[in-house]
């Protein structure tokens, strides 16, 4: 990727000049063919996949539950290393707007200084400590996105409040992660293949010993490498994909909750509802209604 062209995203800069906050959920498997830079701080939140980000001359891994933060005008490229659809939420905030938030809440400036103090490439990563924190961040980002789309009365006030709430949650994380121990290069492709398989077959009852054997590694070693690569055990990653698919069906279809539970691999609606609430903090019915407000 070091030989890629470098492009300044002028179209995005115009968008951010029209309103200083941008937030959008993106779903695709497209690999950007160039590095790009733009105004505004970028907060990149992976919902579904593992992958890599390159900024300057360094590469950083990411996976669901990790937030990548990039300073303005830093050339970077982010891509999934899986072949399945990549779902992420991208928040960009203009520098002057960040400064205005810091004038209201000085801890914002302190956080920004802490995040970028030790990295010369202008990129930092936060590993959200719990699934509750990750879900709270996702919900905040989706609320900001929805407010920007609908622009209802006093939406700028709500966006400002949600951004401050976001910074509070991020400030509670124990540390900034600048580097991480990587999976040995000989096994990275294997772990991506396993992640793709778990994503594609999320609705099936899979045998983890058989999955490990098919890749000629022991179950315990597969678990160790996969957790190192994605932040999740294979079972947890499969459950993440089930919940992720259920969210899409709840918000985008009229299928009943029972039908959705069965389609994503749960034999009982009660079991689905319990695990969905554990993962998101709300019931499937509440999630569906909140996404349609």
C-alpha atoms as a PDB file:
ATOM      1  CA  UNK A   1       0.000   0.000   0.000  1.00  0.00           C
ATOM      2  CA  UNK A   2       2.998   2.294   0.318  1.00  0.00           C
ATOM      3  CA  UNK A   3       3.008   2.898  -3.457  1.00  0.00           C
ATOM      4  CA  UNK A   4      -0.587   4.159  -3.573  1.00  0.00           C
ATOM      5  CA  UNK A   5      -1.418   7.602  -4.914  1.00  0.00           C
ATOM      6  CA  UNK A   6      -2.298  10.338  -2.419  1.00  0.00           C
ATOM      7  CA  UNK A   7      -5.477  12.349  -2.941  1.00  0.00           C
ATOM      8  CA  UNK A   8      -6.922  15.322  -1.053  1.00  0.00           C
ATOM      9  CA  UNK A   9     -10.666  14.740  -0.757  1.00  0.00           C
ATOM     10  CA  UNK A  10     -11.919  18.172  -1.790  1.00  0.00           C
ATOM     11  CA  UNK A  11     -15.520  16.971  -2.158  1.00  0.00           C
ATOM     12  CA  UNK A  12     -15.576  15.859   1.457  1.00  0.00           C
ATOM     13  CA  UNK A  13     -13.924  19.103   2.556  1.00  0.00           C
ATOM     14  CA  UNK A  14     -16.802  21.010   0.941  1.00  0.00           C
ATOM     15  CA  UNK A  15     -19.286  18.814   2.791  1.00  0.00           C
ATOM     16  CA  UNK A  16     -17.612  19.515   6.128  1.00  0.00           C
ATOM     17  CA  UNK A  17     -17.513  23.247   5.369  1.00  0.00           C
ATOM     18  CA  UNK A  18     -21.295  23.220   4.950  1.00  0.00           C
ATOM     19  CA  UNK A  19     -21.820  21.666   8.379  1.00  0.00           C
ATOM     20  CA  UNK A  20     -18.940  20.890  10.769  1.00  0.00           C
ATOM     21  CA  UNK A  21     -20.122  17.397  11.740  1.00  0.00           C
ATOM     22  CA  UNK A  22     -20.487  14.438   9.371  1.00  0.00           C
ATOM     23  CA  UNK A  23     -21.593  10.933  10.294  1.00  0.00           C
ATOM     24  CA  UNK A  24     -22.499   8.044   8.009  1.00  0.00           C
ATOM     25  CA  UNK A  25     -22.832   4.276   8.150  1.00  0.00           C
ATOM     26  CA  UNK A  26     -21.172   2.630   5.169  1.00  0.00           C
ATOM     27  CA  UNK A  27     -21.678  -0.925   3.900  1.00  0.00           C
ATOM     28  CA  UNK A  28     -19.557  -2.310   1.091  1.00  0.00           C
ATOM     29  CA  UNK A  29     -16.597  -4.526   0.244  1.00  0.00           C
ATOM     30  CA  UNK A  30     -14.832  -1.920  -1.897  1.00  0.00           C
ATOM     31  CA  UNK A  31     -11.105  -1.402  -1.324  1.00  0.00           C
ATOM     32  CA  UNK A  32     -10.102   2.234  -1.750  1.00  0.00           C
ATOM     33  CA  UNK A  33      -7.368   2.367  -4.432  1.00  0.00           C
ATOM     34  CA  UNK A  34      -5.548   5.378  -2.961  1.00  0.00           C
ATOM     35  CA  UNK A  35      -4.594   7.094   0.266  1.00  0.00           C
ATOM     36  CA  UNK A  36      -6.624  10.186   1.033  1.00  0.00           C
ATOM     37  CA  UNK A  37      -6.580  13.174   3.364  1.00  0.00           C
ATOM     38  CA  UNK A  38      -9.261  15.643   4.391  1.00  0.00           C
ATOM     39  CA  UNK A  39     -10.173  18.283   6.918  1.00  0.00           C
ATOM     40  CA  UNK A  40     -11.640  17.306  10.278  1.00  0.00           C
ATOM     41  CA  UNK A  41     -10.883  14.624  12.816  1.00  0.00           C
ATOM     42  CA  UNK A  42     -12.093  11.196  11.656  1.00  0.00           C
ATOM     43  CA  UNK A  43     -13.492   8.652  14.116  1.00  0.00           C
ATOM     44  CA  UNK A  44     -13.687   5.263  12.371  1.00  0.00           C
ATOM     45  CA  UNK A  45     -15.760   2.626  14.169  1.00  0.00           C
ATOM     46  CA  UNK A  46     -15.780  -0.922  12.818  1.00  0.00           C
ATOM     47  CA  UNK A  47     -19.091  -2.738  13.291  1.00  0.00           C
ATOM     48  CA  UNK A  48     -18.416  -6.022  11.539  1.00  0.00           C
ATOM     49  CA  UNK A  49     -14.908  -6.742  10.285  1.00  0.00           C
ATOM     50  CA  UNK A  50     -11.197  -6.885  10.930  1.00  0.00           C
ATOM     51  CA  UNK A  51      -8.746  -4.993   8.767  1.00  0.00           C
ATOM     52  CA  UNK A  52      -5.847  -2.593   8.610  1.00  0.00           C
ATOM     53  CA  UNK A  53      -5.358   1.144   8.523  1.00  0.00           C
ATOM     54  CA  UNK A  54      -2.252   2.795   7.157  1.00  0.00           C
ATOM     55  CA  UNK A  55      -1.285   6.325   8.128  1.00  0.00           C
ATOM     56  CA  UNK A  56       2.024   7.724   7.009  1.00  0.00           C
ATOM     57  CA  UNK A  57       4.421   4.775   7.068  1.00  0.00           C
ATOM     58  CA  UNK A  58       2.696   2.709   9.755  1.00  0.00           C
ATOM     59  CA  UNK A  59       0.018   0.043   9.674  1.00  0.00           C
ATOM     60  CA  UNK A  60      -2.528  -0.472  12.435  1.00  0.00           C
ATOM     61  CA  UNK A  61      -4.934  -3.362  12.876  1.00  0.00           C
ATOM     62  CA  UNK A  62      -8.577  -2.868  13.739  1.00  0.00           C
ATOM     63  CA  UNK A  63     -11.558  -5.013  14.601  1.00  0.00           C
ATOM     64  CA  UNK A  64     -15.111  -4.529  15.917  1.00  0.00           C
ATOM     65  CA  UNK A  65     -15.081  -2.604  19.169  1.00  0.00           C
ATOM     66  CA  UNK A  66     -11.961  -0.606  18.322  1.00  0.00           C
ATOM     67  CA  UNK A  67     -12.158   3.085  17.445  1.00  0.00           C
ATOM     68  CA  UNK A  68      -9.544   4.552  15.107  1.00  0.00           C
ATOM     69  CA  UNK A  69      -9.052   8.318  15.395  1.00  0.00           C
ATOM     70  CA  UNK A  70      -7.206  10.227  12.666  1.00  0.00           C
ATOM     71  CA  UNK A  71      -6.052  13.842  12.784  1.00  0.00           C
ATOM     72  CA  UNK A  72      -6.976  16.304  10.013  1.00  0.00           C
ATOM     73  CA  UNK A  73      -4.966  16.294   6.785  1.00  0.00           C
ATOM     74  CA  UNK A  74      -3.246  12.967   7.525  1.00  0.00           C
ATOM     75  CA  UNK A  75      -2.998  10.706   4.490  1.00  0.00           C
ATOM     76  CA  UNK A  76      -4.529   7.353   5.335  1.00  0.00           C
ATOM     77  CA  UNK A  77      -6.313   4.327   3.959  1.00  0.00           C
ATOM     78  CA  UNK A  78      -8.571   1.925   5.828  1.00  0.00           C
ATOM     79  CA  UNK A  79      -9.657  -1.414   4.414  1.00  0.00           C
ATOM     80  CA  UNK A  80     -11.055  -4.686   5.642  1.00  0.00           C
ATOM     81  CA  UNK A  81      -8.973  -7.808   5.157  1.00  0.00           C
ATOM     82  CA  UNK A  82     -12.115  -9.934   4.944  1.00  0.00           C
ATOM     83  CA  UNK A  83     -14.016 -10.590   1.724  1.00  0.00           C
ATOM     84  CA  UNK A  84     -17.460 -10.035   3.264  1.00  0.00           C
ATOM     85  CA  UNK A  85     -19.332  -6.739   3.391  1.00  0.00           C
ATOM     86  CA  UNK A  86     -17.647  -4.230   5.694  1.00  0.00           C
ATOM     87  CA  UNK A  87     -19.940  -2.180   7.909  1.00  0.00           C
ATOM     88  CA  UNK A  88     -18.509   0.832   9.688  1.00  0.00           C
ATOM     89  CA  UNK A  89     -19.624   4.203  11.022  1.00  0.00           C
ATOM     90  CA  UNK A  90     -17.505   7.219  10.140  1.00  0.00           C
ATOM     91  CA  UNK A  91     -17.741  10.398  12.170  1.00  0.00           C
ATOM     92  CA  UNK A  92     -15.819  13.495  11.097  1.00  0.00           C
ATOM     93  CA  UNK A  93     -15.695  16.691  13.136  1.00  0.00           C
ATOM     94  CA  UNK A  94     -14.160  19.990  12.056  1.00  0.00           C
ATOM     95  CA  UNK A  95     -11.250  21.308  14.131  1.00  0.00           C
ATOM     96  CA  UNK A  96     -13.045  24.538  15.023  1.00  0.00           C
ATOM     97  CA  UNK A  97     -16.042  22.557  16.263  1.00  0.00           C
ATOM     98  CA  UNK A  98     -13.757  20.393  18.443  1.00  0.00           C
ATOM     99  CA  UNK A  99     -12.274  23.585  19.862  1.00  0.00           C
ATOM    100  CA  UNK A 100     -15.764  24.918  20.598  1.00  0.00           C
ATOM    101  CA  UNK A 101     -16.549  21.702  22.476  1.00  0.00           C
ATOM    102  CA  UNK A 102     -13.296  22.081  24.406  1.00  0.00           C
ATOM    103  CA  UNK A 103     -14.297  25.619  25.394  1.00  0.00           C
ATOM    104  CA  UNK A 104     -17.427  24.153  26.958  1.00  0.00           C
ATOM    105  CA  UNK A 105     -15.716  21.051  28.383  1.00  0.00           C
ATOM    106  CA  UNK A 106     -11.919  21.436  28.758  1.00  0.00           C
ATOM    107  CA  UNK A 107     -11.465  17.680  29.195  1.00  0.00           C
ATOM    108  CA  UNK A 108     -12.046  17.320  25.428  1.00  0.00           C
ATOM    109  CA  UNK A 109      -8.798  19.157  24.676  1.00  0.00           C
ATOM    110  CA  UNK A 110      -6.988  17.079  27.295  1.00  0.00           C
ATOM    111  CA  UNK A 111      -8.209  13.877  25.665  1.00  0.00           C
ATOM    112  CA  UNK A 112      -7.131  14.952  22.201  1.00  0.00           C
ATOM    113  CA  UNK A 113      -3.680  15.835  23.496  1.00  0.00           C
ATOM    114  CA  UNK A 114      -3.374  12.484  25.275  1.00  0.00           C
ATOM    115  CA  UNK A 115      -4.507  10.490  22.240  1.00  0.00           C
ATOM    116  CA  UNK A 116      -1.939  11.944  19.867  1.00  0.00           C
ATOM    117  CA  UNK A 117       0.937  12.683  22.258  1.00  0.00           C
ATOM    118  CA  UNK A 118       2.932   9.522  21.551  1.00  0.00           C
ATOM    119  CA  UNK A 119       2.294   8.880  17.874  1.00  0.00           C
ATOM    120  CA  UNK A 120       3.996  10.808  15.114  1.00  0.00           C
ATOM    121  CA  UNK A 121       1.671   9.573  12.375  1.00  0.00           C
ATOM    122  CA  UNK A 122      -1.403  11.425  13.645  1.00  0.00           C
ATOM    123  CA  UNK A 123      -3.453   8.316  14.430  1.00  0.00           C
ATOM    124  CA  UNK A 124      -4.591   6.754  17.693  1.00  0.00           C
ATOM    125  CA  UNK A 125      -6.773   3.779  18.565  1.00  0.00           C
ATOM    126  CA  UNK A 126      -9.025   3.116  21.513  1.00  0.00           C
ATOM    127  CA  UNK A 127     -10.015  -0.412  22.430  1.00  0.00           C
ATOM    128  CA  UNK A 128     -13.399  -0.013  24.087  1.00  0.00           C
ATOM    129  CA  UNK A 129     -13.224  -1.850  27.396  1.00  0.00           C
ATOM    130  CA  UNK A 130     -16.611  -3.581  27.373  1.00  0.00           C
ATOM    131  CA  UNK A 131     -19.288  -4.572  24.902  1.00  0.00           C
ATOM    132  CA  UNK A 132     -21.573  -2.121  26.727  1.00  0.00           C
ATOM    133  CA  UNK A 133     -19.168   0.727  25.941  1.00  0.00           C
ATOM    134  CA  UNK A 134     -18.915  -0.391  22.303  1.00  0.00           C
ATOM    135  CA  UNK A 135     -22.692  -0.548  21.992  1.00  0.00           C
ATOM    136  CA  UNK A 136     -23.070   2.870  23.642  1.00  0.00           C
ATOM    137  CA  UNK A 137     -20.626   4.363  21.129  1.00  0.00           C
ATOM    138  CA  UNK A 138     -22.446   2.729  18.234  1.00  0.00           C
ATOM    139  CA  UNK A 139     -25.811   4.052  19.421  1.00  0.00           C
ATOM    140  CA  UNK A 140     -24.429   7.570  19.890  1.00  0.00           C
ATOM    141  CA  UNK A 141     -22.977   7.562  16.396  1.00  0.00           C
ATOM    142  CA  UNK A 142     -26.251   6.314  14.914  1.00  0.00           C
ATOM    143  CA  UNK A 143     -28.172   9.029  16.766  1.00  0.00           C
ATOM    144  CA  UNK A 144     -25.817  11.688  15.389  1.00  0.00           C
ATOM    145  CA  UNK A 145     -26.216  10.237  11.906  1.00  0.00           C
ATOM    146  CA  UNK A 146     -30.000  10.217  12.194  1.00  0.00           C
ATOM    147  CA  UNK A 147     -30.128  13.800  13.473  1.00  0.00           C
ATOM    148  CA  UNK A 148     -27.959  14.979  10.587  1.00  0.00           C
ATOM    149  CA  UNK A 149     -30.260  13.235   8.115  1.00  0.00           C
ATOM    150  CA  UNK A 150     -33.570  14.419   9.578  1.00  0.00           C
ATOM    151  CA  UNK A 151     -32.484  17.869  10.825  1.00  0.00           C
ATOM    152  CA  UNK A 152     -35.420  18.255  13.164  1.00  0.00           C
ATOM    153  CA  UNK A 153     -35.921  21.256  15.430  1.00  0.00           C
ATOM    154  CA  UNK A 154     -32.790  22.121  17.459  1.00  0.00           C
ATOM    155  CA  UNK A 155     -30.806  19.220  16.004  1.00  0.00           C
ATOM    156  CA  UNK A 156     -27.471  21.099  16.412  1.00  0.00           C
ATOM    157  CA  UNK A 157     -27.998  21.149  20.194  1.00  0.00           C
ATOM    158  CA  UNK A 158     -28.653  17.418  20.310  1.00  0.00           C
ATOM    159  CA  UNK A 159     -25.617  16.676  18.138  1.00  0.00           C
ATOM    160  CA  UNK A 160     -23.429  18.748  20.437  1.00  0.00           C
ATOM    161  CA  UNK A 161     -24.816  16.930  23.486  1.00  0.00           C
ATOM    162  CA  UNK A 162     -24.223  13.515  21.906  1.00  0.00           C
ATOM    163  CA  UNK A 163     -20.668  14.420  20.940  1.00  0.00           C
ATOM    164  CA  UNK A 164     -19.916  15.468  24.514  1.00  0.00           C
ATOM    165  CA  UNK A 165     -21.429  12.198  25.725  1.00  0.00           C
ATOM    166  CA  UNK A 166     -19.217  10.356  23.251  1.00  0.00           C
ATOM    167  CA  UNK A 167     -16.109  12.076  24.604  1.00  0.00           C
ATOM    168  CA  UNK A 168     -17.134  11.205  28.163  1.00  0.00           C
ATOM    169  CA  UNK A 169     -17.340   7.504  27.251  1.00  0.00           C
ATOM    170  CA  UNK A 170     -14.051   7.609  25.362  1.00  0.00           C
ATOM    171  CA  UNK A 171     -12.392   9.413  28.256  1.00  0.00           C
ATOM    172  CA  UNK A 172     -13.334   6.551  30.572  1.00  0.00           C
ATOM    173  CA  UNK A 173     -11.337   4.027  28.566  1.00  0.00           C
ATOM    174  CA  UNK A 174      -8.223   3.015  30.450  1.00  0.00           C
ATOM    175  CA  UNK A 175      -5.607   3.720  27.789  1.00  0.00           C
ATOM    176  CA  UNK A 176      -4.841   4.652  24.229  1.00  0.00           C
ATOM    177  CA  UNK A 177      -3.634   1.719  22.156  1.00  0.00           C
ATOM    178  CA  UNK A 178      -0.929   2.788  19.745  1.00  0.00           C
ATOM    179  CA  UNK A 179       0.462  -0.613  18.878  1.00  0.00           C
ATOM    180  CA  UNK A 180      -0.662  -4.176  19.405  1.00  0.00           C
ATOM    181  CA  UNK A 181       0.907  -7.589  19.233  1.00  0.00           C
ATOM    182  CA  UNK A 182       0.128  -8.899  15.789  1.00  0.00           C
ATOM    183  CA  UNK A 183      -0.766 -12.399  14.741  1.00  0.00           C
ATOM    184  CA  UNK A 184       2.237 -14.073  13.059  1.00  0.00           C
ATOM    185  CA  UNK A 185       2.141 -13.210   9.356  1.00  0.00           C
ATOM    186  CA  UNK A 186       1.820 -16.873   8.353  1.00  0.00           C
ATOM    187  CA  UNK A 187      -1.540 -17.036  10.149  1.00  0.00           C
ATOM    188  CA  UNK A 188      -3.138 -13.673   9.332  1.00  0.00           C
ATOM    189  CA  UNK A 189      -4.746 -14.853   6.100  1.00  0.00           C
ATOM    190  CA  UNK A 190      -6.026 -17.938   7.912  1.00  0.00           C
ATOM    191  CA  UNK A 191      -7.656 -15.822  10.605  1.00  0.00           C
ATOM    192  CA  UNK A 192      -9.293 -13.628   7.944  1.00  0.00           C
ATOM    193  CA  UNK A 193     -10.591 -16.753   6.231  1.00  0.00           C
ATOM    194  CA  UNK A 194     -12.035 -18.008   9.511  1.00  0.00           C
ATOM    195  CA  UNK A 195     -13.646 -14.621  10.142  1.00  0.00           C
ATOM    196  CA  UNK A 196     -15.178 -14.712   6.655  1.00  0.00           C
ATOM    197  CA  UNK A 197     -16.458 -18.246   7.250  1.00  0.00           C
ATOM    198  CA  UNK A 198     -18.034 -17.282  10.594  1.00  0.00           C
ATOM    199  CA  UNK A 199     -19.646 -14.250   8.960  1.00  0.00           C
ATOM    200  CA  UNK A 200     -21.030 -16.182   6.008  1.00  0.00           C
ATOM    201  CA  UNK A 201     -22.232 -19.092   8.157  1.00  0.00           C
ATOM    202  CA  UNK A 202     -23.295 -17.050  11.194  1.00  0.00           C
ATOM    203  CA  UNK A 203     -26.748 -18.679  11.211  1.00  0.00           C
ATOM    204  CA  UNK A 204     -25.396 -22.244  11.378  1.00  0.00           C
ATOM    205  CA  UNK A 205     -24.426 -24.382  14.362  1.00  0.00           C
ATOM    206  CA  UNK A 206     -20.718 -24.728  13.703  1.00  0.00           C
ATOM    207  CA  UNK A 207     -18.240 -27.130  15.231  1.00  0.00           C
ATOM    208  CA  UNK A 208     -15.190 -25.170  16.363  1.00  0.00           C
ATOM    209  CA  UNK A 209     -12.977 -28.296  16.608  1.00  0.00           C
ATOM    210  CA  UNK A 210     -13.869 -29.138  12.999  1.00  0.00           C
ATOM    211  CA  UNK A 211     -13.206 -25.552  11.927  1.00  0.00           C
ATOM    212  CA  UNK A 212      -9.778 -25.671  13.562  1.00  0.00           C
ATOM    213  CA  UNK A 213      -9.006 -29.072  12.057  1.00  0.00           C
ATOM    214  CA  UNK A 214      -9.935 -27.838   8.585  1.00  0.00           C
ATOM    215  CA  UNK A 215      -7.160 -25.233   8.950  1.00  0.00           C
ATOM    216  CA  UNK A 216      -4.702 -27.751  10.444  1.00  0.00           C
ATOM    217  CA  UNK A 217      -4.391 -26.067  13.834  1.00  0.00           C
ATOM    218  CA  UNK A 218      -5.574 -27.091  17.279  1.00  0.00           C
ATOM    219  CA  UNK A 219      -8.765 -25.572  18.669  1.00  0.00           C
ATOM    220  CA  UNK A 220      -6.881 -23.862  21.506  1.00  0.00           C
ATOM    221  CA  UNK A 221      -4.324 -22.306  19.131  1.00  0.00           C
ATOM    222  CA  UNK A 222      -7.072 -21.175  16.763  1.00  0.00           C
ATOM    223  CA  UNK A 223      -8.863 -19.505  19.685  1.00  0.00           C
ATOM    224  CA  UNK A 224      -5.662 -17.784  20.793  1.00  0.00           C
ATOM    225  CA  UNK A 225      -4.790 -16.473  17.323  1.00  0.00           C
ATOM    226  CA  UNK A 226      -8.354 -15.459  16.483  1.00  0.00           C
ATOM    227  CA  UNK A 227      -8.799 -13.542  19.746  1.00  0.00           C
ATOM    228  CA  UNK A 228      -5.480 -11.805  19.111  1.00  0.00           C
ATOM    229  CA  UNK A 229      -6.526 -10.916  15.552  1.00  0.00           C
ATOM    230  CA  UNK A 230     -10.146  -9.837  16.109  1.00  0.00           C
ATOM    231  CA  UNK A 231     -10.568  -9.133  19.811  1.00  0.00           C
ATOM    232  CA  UNK A 232     -13.137 -11.947  20.020  1.00  0.00           C
ATOM    233  CA  UNK A 233     -13.168 -15.713  20.356  1.00  0.00           C
ATOM    234  CA  UNK A 234     -14.624 -17.489  17.291  1.00  0.00           C
ATOM    235  CA  UNK A 235     -17.876 -18.128  19.177  1.00  0.00           C
ATOM    236  CA  UNK A 236     -18.131 -14.480  20.249  1.00  0.00           C
ATOM    237  CA  UNK A 237     -17.408 -13.320  16.704  1.00  0.00           C
ATOM    238  CA  UNK A 238     -20.135 -15.564  15.292  1.00  0.00           C
ATOM    239  CA  UNK A 239     -22.584 -14.196  17.873  1.00  0.00           C
ATOM    240  CA  UNK A 240     -21.529 -10.647  16.934  1.00  0.00           C
ATOM    241  CA  UNK A 241     -22.378 -11.383  13.291  1.00  0.00           C
ATOM    242  CA  UNK A 242     -25.764 -12.843  14.301  1.00  0.00           C
ATOM    243  CA  UNK A 243     -26.628  -9.751  16.323  1.00  0.00           C
ATOM    244  CA  UNK A 244     -25.352  -7.489  13.565  1.00  0.00           C
ATOM    245  CA  UNK A 245     -27.536  -9.247  10.986  1.00  0.00           C
ATOM    246  CA  UNK A 246     -30.514  -9.171  13.339  1.00  0.00           C
ATOM    247  CA  UNK A 247     -30.149  -5.394  13.715  1.00  0.00           C
ATOM    248  CA  UNK A 248     -30.277  -4.980   9.939  1.00  0.00           C
ATOM    249  CA  UNK A 249     -33.402  -7.145   9.700  1.00  0.00           C
ATOM    250  CA  UNK A 250     -35.118  -5.385  12.606  1.00  0.00           C
ATOM    251  CA  UNK A 251     -34.553  -1.949  11.117  1.00  0.00           C
ATOM    252  CA  UNK A 252     -34.964  -2.811   7.449  1.00  0.00           C
ATOM    253  CA  UNK A 253     -37.692  -5.455   7.188  1.00  0.00           C
ATOM    254  CA  UNK A 254     -41.161  -6.230   8.492  1.00  0.00           C
ATOM    255  CA  UNK A 255     -40.234  -9.782   9.514  1.00  0.00           C
ATOM    256  CA  UNK A 256     -41.411 -10.804  12.969  1.00  0.00           C
ATOM    257  CA  UNK A 257     -38.924 -11.087  15.811  1.00  0.00           C
ATOM    258  CA  UNK A 258     -39.452 -14.855  15.837  1.00  0.00           C
ATOM    259  CA  UNK A 259     -38.701 -15.068  12.108  1.00  0.00           C
ATOM    260  CA  UNK A 260     -35.577 -12.957  12.542  1.00  0.00           C
ATOM    261  CA  UNK A 261     -34.394 -15.053  15.488  1.00  0.00           C
ATOM    262  CA  UNK A 262     -34.685 -18.232  13.441  1.00  0.00           C
ATOM    263  CA  UNK A 263     -33.073 -16.721  10.338  1.00  0.00           C
ATOM    264  CA  UNK A 264     -29.934 -15.648  12.209  1.00  0.00           C
ATOM    265  CA  UNK A 265     -29.481 -18.972  13.961  1.00  0.00           C
ATOM    266  CA  UNK A 266     -31.386 -18.901  17.238  1.00  0.00           C
ATOM    267  CA  UNK A 267     -33.731 -21.794  17.913  1.00  0.00           C
ATOM    268  CA  UNK A 268     -35.794 -19.915  20.491  1.00  0.00           C
ATOM    269  CA  UNK A 269     -37.042 -16.336  20.493  1.00  0.00           C
ATOM    270  CA  UNK A 270     -36.477 -16.005  24.242  1.00  0.00           C
ATOM    271  CA  UNK A 271     -32.828 -17.004  23.869  1.00  0.00           C
ATOM    272  CA  UNK A 272     -32.402 -14.536  21.013  1.00  0.00           C
ATOM    273  CA  UNK A 273     -34.045 -11.714  22.978  1.00  0.00           C
ATOM    274  CA  UNK A 274     -31.860 -12.360  26.025  1.00  0.00           C
ATOM    275  CA  UNK A 275     -28.593 -12.371  24.051  1.00  0.00           C
ATOM    276  CA  UNK A 276     -29.692  -9.378  21.967  1.00  0.00           C
ATOM    277  CA  UNK A 277     -30.340  -7.363  25.121  1.00  0.00           C
ATOM    278  CA  UNK A 278     -27.017  -8.462  26.621  1.00  0.00           C
ATOM    279  CA  UNK A 279     -25.245  -7.262  23.473  1.00  0.00           C
ATOM    280  CA  UNK A 280     -27.133  -4.004  22.898  1.00  0.00           C
ATOM    281  CA  UNK A 281     -28.742  -3.078  26.213  1.00  0.00           C
ATOM    282  CA  UNK A 282     -32.258  -3.094  24.699  1.00  0.00           C
ATOM    283  CA  UNK A 283     -34.800  -5.666  23.549  1.00  0.00           C
ATOM    284  CA  UNK A 284     -35.252  -6.451  19.850  1.00  0.00           C
ATOM    285  CA  UNK A 285     -38.659  -4.759  19.905  1.00  0.00           C
ATOM    286  CA  UNK A 286     -37.295  -1.580  21.473  1.00  0.00           C
ATOM    287  CA  UNK A 287     -34.394  -1.534  19.018  1.00  0.00           C
ATOM    288  CA  UNK A 288     -36.791  -1.820  16.084  1.00  0.00           C
ATOM    289  CA  UNK A 289     -38.987   1.032  17.311  1.00  0.00           C
ATOM    290  CA  UNK A 290     -36.022   3.276  18.122  1.00  0.00           C
ATOM    291  CA  UNK A 291     -34.596   2.862  14.626  1.00  0.00           C
ATOM    292  CA  UNK A 292     -37.890   3.949  13.115  1.00  0.00           C
ATOM    293  CA  UNK A 293     -38.475   7.093  15.182  1.00  0.00           C
END
